[in-house]
Protein backbone atom coordinates (compact mmCIF):
# COMPACT_ATOMS: atom_id res chain seq x y z
CA MET A 1 -34.05 189.63 77.91
CA GLY A 2 -34.71 192.96 76.12
CA VAL A 3 -33.16 194.09 72.46
CA ASN A 4 -30.20 191.41 72.44
CA GLY A 5 -32.77 188.72 73.50
CA MET A 6 -35.09 189.98 70.69
CA ASP A 7 -32.05 189.60 68.35
CA ALA A 8 -31.53 186.36 68.98
CA ALA A 9 -34.97 185.44 68.63
CA ARG A 10 -35.05 186.76 65.44
CA SER A 11 -31.82 185.08 64.16
CA GLY A 12 -33.42 181.99 65.50
CA MET A 13 -37.06 182.66 63.53
CA LEU A 14 -34.95 183.32 60.10
CA ALA A 15 -32.70 180.28 60.27
CA TYR A 16 -35.54 177.96 61.28
CA SER A 17 -38.07 179.61 58.64
CA ALA A 18 -35.04 178.58 56.02
CA SER A 19 -35.02 175.27 57.60
CA LEU A 20 -38.59 175.01 56.87
CA ASP A 21 -38.47 176.18 53.47
CA ILE A 22 -35.66 173.72 52.67
CA VAL A 23 -37.62 170.66 54.40
CA ALA A 24 -40.52 171.68 52.44
CA ASN A 25 -39.06 171.46 49.03
CA ASN A 26 -37.83 167.96 50.00
CA ILE A 27 -41.02 166.63 50.70
CA ALA A 28 -42.74 168.48 47.91
CA ASN A 29 -39.92 166.35 45.39
CA VAL A 30 -40.53 162.94 47.21
CA ASN A 31 -41.87 161.78 43.63
CA THR A 32 -39.47 163.46 41.50
CA ALA A 33 -37.21 161.39 39.53
CA GLY A 34 -33.39 161.52 40.52
CA PHE A 35 -33.79 164.21 43.15
CA HIS A 36 -31.99 164.20 46.05
CA VAL A 37 -32.65 165.66 49.77
CA GLN A 38 -30.91 168.94 50.89
CA GLU A 39 -29.96 168.99 54.52
CA PRO A 40 -29.77 172.46 56.38
CA HIS A 41 -27.13 172.82 59.12
CA LEU A 42 -27.51 175.59 61.61
CA ALA A 43 -24.80 177.16 63.93
CA ASP A 44 -24.87 179.20 67.35
CA VAL A 45 -24.19 182.60 66.97
CA ALA A 46 -21.39 183.82 69.33
CA PRO A 47 -22.77 186.61 71.48
CA GLU A 48 -21.81 190.14 70.55
CA GLY A 49 -22.34 191.49 74.31
CA GLY A 50 -19.66 189.93 76.00
CA VAL A 51 -20.36 188.12 79.46
CA ALA A 52 -22.63 189.36 82.11
CA ALA A 53 -21.14 189.58 85.68
CA ASP A 54 -21.82 185.72 86.14
CA ASN A 55 -19.63 185.07 83.15
CA LYS A 56 -22.79 184.06 81.18
CA PRO A 57 -23.26 185.11 77.59
CA THR A 58 -25.76 188.09 77.46
CA ALA A 59 -27.10 186.89 74.23
CA SER A 60 -26.80 184.41 71.40
CA GLY A 61 -28.57 183.43 68.60
CA VAL A 62 -28.84 180.97 65.47
CA THR A 63 -27.83 181.20 61.96
CA LEU A 64 -28.09 178.54 58.99
CA LEU A 65 -24.52 177.69 58.44
CA GLY A 66 -24.82 176.02 55.13
CA VAL A 67 -27.01 173.36 52.99
CA ASP A 68 -25.82 169.95 51.73
CA ARG A 69 -27.13 168.19 49.23
CA ILE A 70 -27.11 164.17 50.13
CA PHE A 71 -26.29 162.23 47.15
CA THR A 72 -27.46 158.91 48.27
CA PRO A 73 -28.71 156.84 45.38
CA GLY A 74 -32.43 156.73 45.11
CA PRO A 75 -34.25 153.51 44.44
CA PRO A 76 -34.34 152.28 40.76
CA GLU A 77 -38.04 152.30 39.44
CA GLN A 78 -38.62 150.46 36.65
CA THR A 79 -40.35 151.93 33.60
CA GLY A 80 -39.60 149.61 30.52
CA GLN A 81 -38.61 152.58 28.59
CA PRO A 82 -35.00 152.14 26.74
CA PHE A 83 -33.97 155.57 27.23
CA ASP A 84 -34.91 155.89 30.44
CA LEU A 85 -31.35 155.34 32.23
CA TYR A 86 -30.76 154.68 35.86
CA ILE A 87 -26.97 155.47 37.11
CA ASP A 88 -26.07 152.53 39.23
CA GLY A 89 -23.18 154.37 40.83
CA GLY A 90 -22.08 157.60 41.72
CA GLY A 91 -21.85 159.81 38.02
CA PHE A 92 -23.99 161.98 36.54
CA PHE A 93 -25.36 162.96 33.36
CA ALA A 94 -24.19 165.96 31.09
CA VAL A 95 -26.56 168.11 29.05
CA LYS A 96 -26.38 171.49 27.13
CA GLY A 97 -28.20 173.76 27.58
CA PRO A 98 -29.49 176.51 25.02
CA ASP A 99 -26.90 178.87 26.42
CA GLY A 100 -24.11 176.27 25.48
CA ALA A 101 -23.35 175.96 29.39
CA VAL A 102 -23.02 172.30 30.40
CA ARG A 103 -25.31 171.09 33.43
CA TYR A 104 -24.92 167.90 35.20
CA THR A 105 -27.84 165.84 36.49
CA ARG A 106 -29.07 162.48 37.95
CA GLU A 107 -32.51 162.45 36.31
CA GLY A 108 -32.08 160.25 33.25
CA ARG A 109 -35.35 160.59 31.20
CA PHE A 110 -34.29 161.09 27.64
CA HIS A 111 -35.92 160.69 24.19
CA ILE A 112 -35.54 160.91 20.35
CA ALA A 113 -35.68 164.62 19.09
CA ALA A 114 -36.75 165.36 15.45
CA ASN A 115 -33.08 165.68 14.62
CA GLY A 116 -32.33 161.94 16.26
CA ALA A 117 -30.23 163.29 19.05
CA LEU A 118 -30.85 162.01 22.68
CA VAL A 119 -32.34 164.60 24.88
CA ASP A 120 -33.81 165.51 28.19
CA GLY A 121 -37.45 166.60 28.77
CA ASP A 122 -36.70 170.35 27.91
CA GLY A 123 -34.97 169.50 24.58
CA MET A 124 -31.19 169.87 26.09
CA PRO A 125 -29.01 167.25 24.24
CA LEU A 126 -26.63 165.13 26.21
CA ASP A 127 -23.05 165.94 26.25
CA PRO A 128 -21.09 164.63 24.25
CA PRO A 129 -24.06 164.52 21.96
CA VAL A 130 -25.50 160.97 20.73
CA LYS A 131 -27.59 160.55 17.79
CA VAL A 132 -29.45 157.59 16.49
CA PRO A 133 -30.37 156.82 12.52
CA LEU A 134 -33.40 158.30 11.32
CA PRO A 135 -36.02 156.80 11.34
CA PRO A 136 -34.90 155.35 14.32
CA PRO A 137 -34.46 151.46 14.34
CA ALA A 138 -36.91 149.11 16.07
CA GLU A 139 -34.48 147.53 18.17
CA LEU A 140 -32.84 150.54 19.91
CA ALA A 141 -31.17 149.70 23.51
CA VAL A 142 -28.63 151.18 26.02
CA ASP A 143 -26.20 148.86 27.34
CA ALA A 144 -24.62 148.95 30.61
CA LYS A 145 -21.34 150.88 29.36
CA GLY A 146 -23.72 153.55 27.95
CA GLN A 147 -23.66 152.37 24.34
CA VAL A 148 -26.43 153.07 22.29
CA VAL A 149 -26.92 150.00 20.09
CA TYR A 150 -29.17 148.90 17.49
CA GLN A 151 -29.24 146.12 14.58
CA ASP A 152 -28.69 147.41 11.05
CA GLU A 153 -30.60 146.04 8.05
CA ASN A 154 -28.27 143.03 7.60
CA GLY A 155 -28.41 142.13 11.03
CA ALA A 156 -25.27 143.57 12.39
CA ILE A 157 -24.77 145.15 15.67
CA GLN A 158 -24.14 148.75 15.32
CA VAL A 159 -23.10 151.46 17.72
CA ALA A 160 -25.08 154.78 17.47
CA GLY A 161 -22.92 156.72 20.35
CA THR A 162 -22.14 156.32 23.92
CA VAL A 163 -23.90 158.12 26.73
CA LYS A 164 -21.05 159.23 29.08
CA LEU A 165 -21.24 159.59 32.93
CA PHE A 166 -19.31 162.06 34.90
CA ARG A 167 -17.86 162.45 38.23
CA PHE A 168 -16.81 165.06 41.23
CA ALA A 169 -14.11 164.63 43.82
CA ASN A 170 -16.95 166.41 45.98
CA PRO A 171 -20.31 166.27 44.70
CA GLY A 172 -21.65 168.34 47.46
CA GLY A 173 -19.81 171.22 46.32
CA LEU A 174 -22.02 171.28 43.20
CA LEU A 175 -24.53 174.09 42.89
CA ALA A 176 -28.34 173.76 41.93
CA THR A 177 -29.44 175.78 38.90
CA GLY A 178 -33.18 174.57 39.23
CA ASP A 179 -35.10 171.87 37.47
CA ASN A 180 -32.97 168.94 38.89
CA ARG A 181 -29.65 170.16 37.42
CA LEU A 182 -26.19 171.09 39.06
CA VAL A 183 -22.84 173.11 37.82
CA PRO A 184 -19.17 172.64 39.02
CA THR A 185 -18.03 175.01 41.40
CA ALA A 186 -14.49 175.21 42.79
CA ALA A 187 -15.76 173.11 46.07
CA SER A 188 -16.67 170.58 43.58
CA GLY A 189 -13.95 170.20 41.31
CA ASP A 190 -14.18 169.74 37.76
CA ALA A 191 -16.22 167.01 36.06
CA GLN A 192 -14.09 164.10 35.20
CA GLU A 193 -15.13 161.26 32.57
CA ALA A 194 -16.36 158.09 34.58
CA THR A 195 -15.38 154.54 33.23
CA LEU A 196 -18.41 152.75 33.25
CA ASP A 197 -16.85 149.22 34.66
CA GLY A 198 -19.58 148.62 37.44
CA GLY A 199 -16.98 149.49 40.10
CA PRO A 200 -16.93 153.34 41.46
CA GLY A 201 -17.80 154.60 37.83
CA GLY A 202 -20.93 152.56 37.87
CA ARG A 203 -22.95 151.33 35.33
CA ILE A 204 -26.26 152.13 33.21
CA VAL A 205 -29.15 150.70 33.41
CA SER A 206 -31.70 150.89 30.64
CA GLY A 207 -35.71 150.91 31.42
CA ALA A 208 -35.44 152.61 34.85
CA LEU A 209 -35.45 156.04 36.61
CA GLU A 210 -33.46 156.84 39.71
CA GLY A 211 -36.30 157.94 42.38
CA SER A 212 -36.22 160.45 45.00
CA ASN A 213 -34.13 159.64 47.93
CA THR A 214 -36.19 161.61 50.04
CA ASP A 215 -37.37 159.85 53.40
CA LEU A 216 -40.97 160.92 54.06
CA VAL A 217 -40.74 160.01 57.81
CA GLU A 218 -37.25 161.57 58.45
CA GLN A 219 -38.53 164.74 56.76
CA MET A 220 -41.62 164.85 58.31
CA THR A 221 -40.17 164.49 61.68
CA ALA A 222 -37.42 167.55 60.31
CA MET A 223 -40.26 169.58 59.63
CA LEU A 224 -42.18 169.14 62.85
CA GLN A 225 -38.85 169.68 64.94
CA ALA A 226 -38.22 173.08 62.70
CA GLN A 227 -41.73 174.22 63.33
CA ARG A 228 -41.74 173.66 66.96
CA ALA A 229 -38.20 175.76 67.25
CA TYR A 230 -39.66 178.50 65.18
CA GLN A 231 -42.47 178.61 67.68
CA LEU A 232 -40.17 178.86 70.44
CA ASN A 233 -38.28 181.61 69.14
CA LEU A 234 -41.35 183.34 68.22
CA GLU A 235 -42.58 183.30 71.51
CA SER A 236 -38.90 184.53 72.67
CA PHE A 237 -39.45 187.38 70.48
CA SER A 238 -43.06 188.29 71.91
CA THR A 239 -41.94 188.26 75.60
CA ALA A 240 -38.89 190.31 75.05
CA ASP A 241 -40.82 192.79 72.74
CA GLU A 242 -43.65 193.38 75.75
CA MET A 243 -40.50 193.52 78.40
CA LEU A 244 -39.05 196.10 76.11
CA LYS A 245 -42.27 197.95 75.85
CA ALA A 246 -42.87 197.87 79.59
CA LEU A 247 -39.33 199.17 80.43
CA ASN A 248 -39.96 202.32 78.04
CA GLN A 249 -43.40 202.96 79.70
CA PHE A 250 -41.42 202.45 83.15
CA GLN A 251 -38.94 204.86 82.10
CA ALA A 252 -41.30 207.14 80.92
């Protein structure tokens, strides 16, 4: 086994440790609105030592090849709050950060700020912005097409603005920035405004939030498998280390 075996075991320990971190994060967010699980992908490392006399690889290993975010929709969770918005479809809300950069999210928990703007839990306004009259009318609502409607003093229905949704050619290519927000990359493609028609563009459901799509049983199983694989690599590393020590002592 020797040094090559230690390297192979070490690569496995690093890969499965990273997998454990990802799975643990999935489990920790089982109750986070709009959260979507990440799935690690491992791959064998090609042996560097060529082949032995019997044509078998002298060493190999495992590496974390990549991490996919799975955008299977989470279940709707009813809240009764008019600005808790569930996306029935594949779109994303857009919010603008204090640095002016636009970020995208499936978490639709919004409220009215002091200036009348609809903002998320961190005060980031929707992009494009939506503002309601102040003081806010009593009967504010958001319809399936994202229109924020209310009844004015004359009983007429008015539209304060429209909550837009955006789609990406490859949502899996979006880059997470933390706090359930994402930004586009070359892999995801640019944001395209969605048509809220109930088809691929989806629709907005007021009074509900998207629950986490974490399958707790599936993630616990993945954690146990990663822990077992890590333990096996740790044992291999220890065995290789002992063999190397014994060889050095023999040669001395």
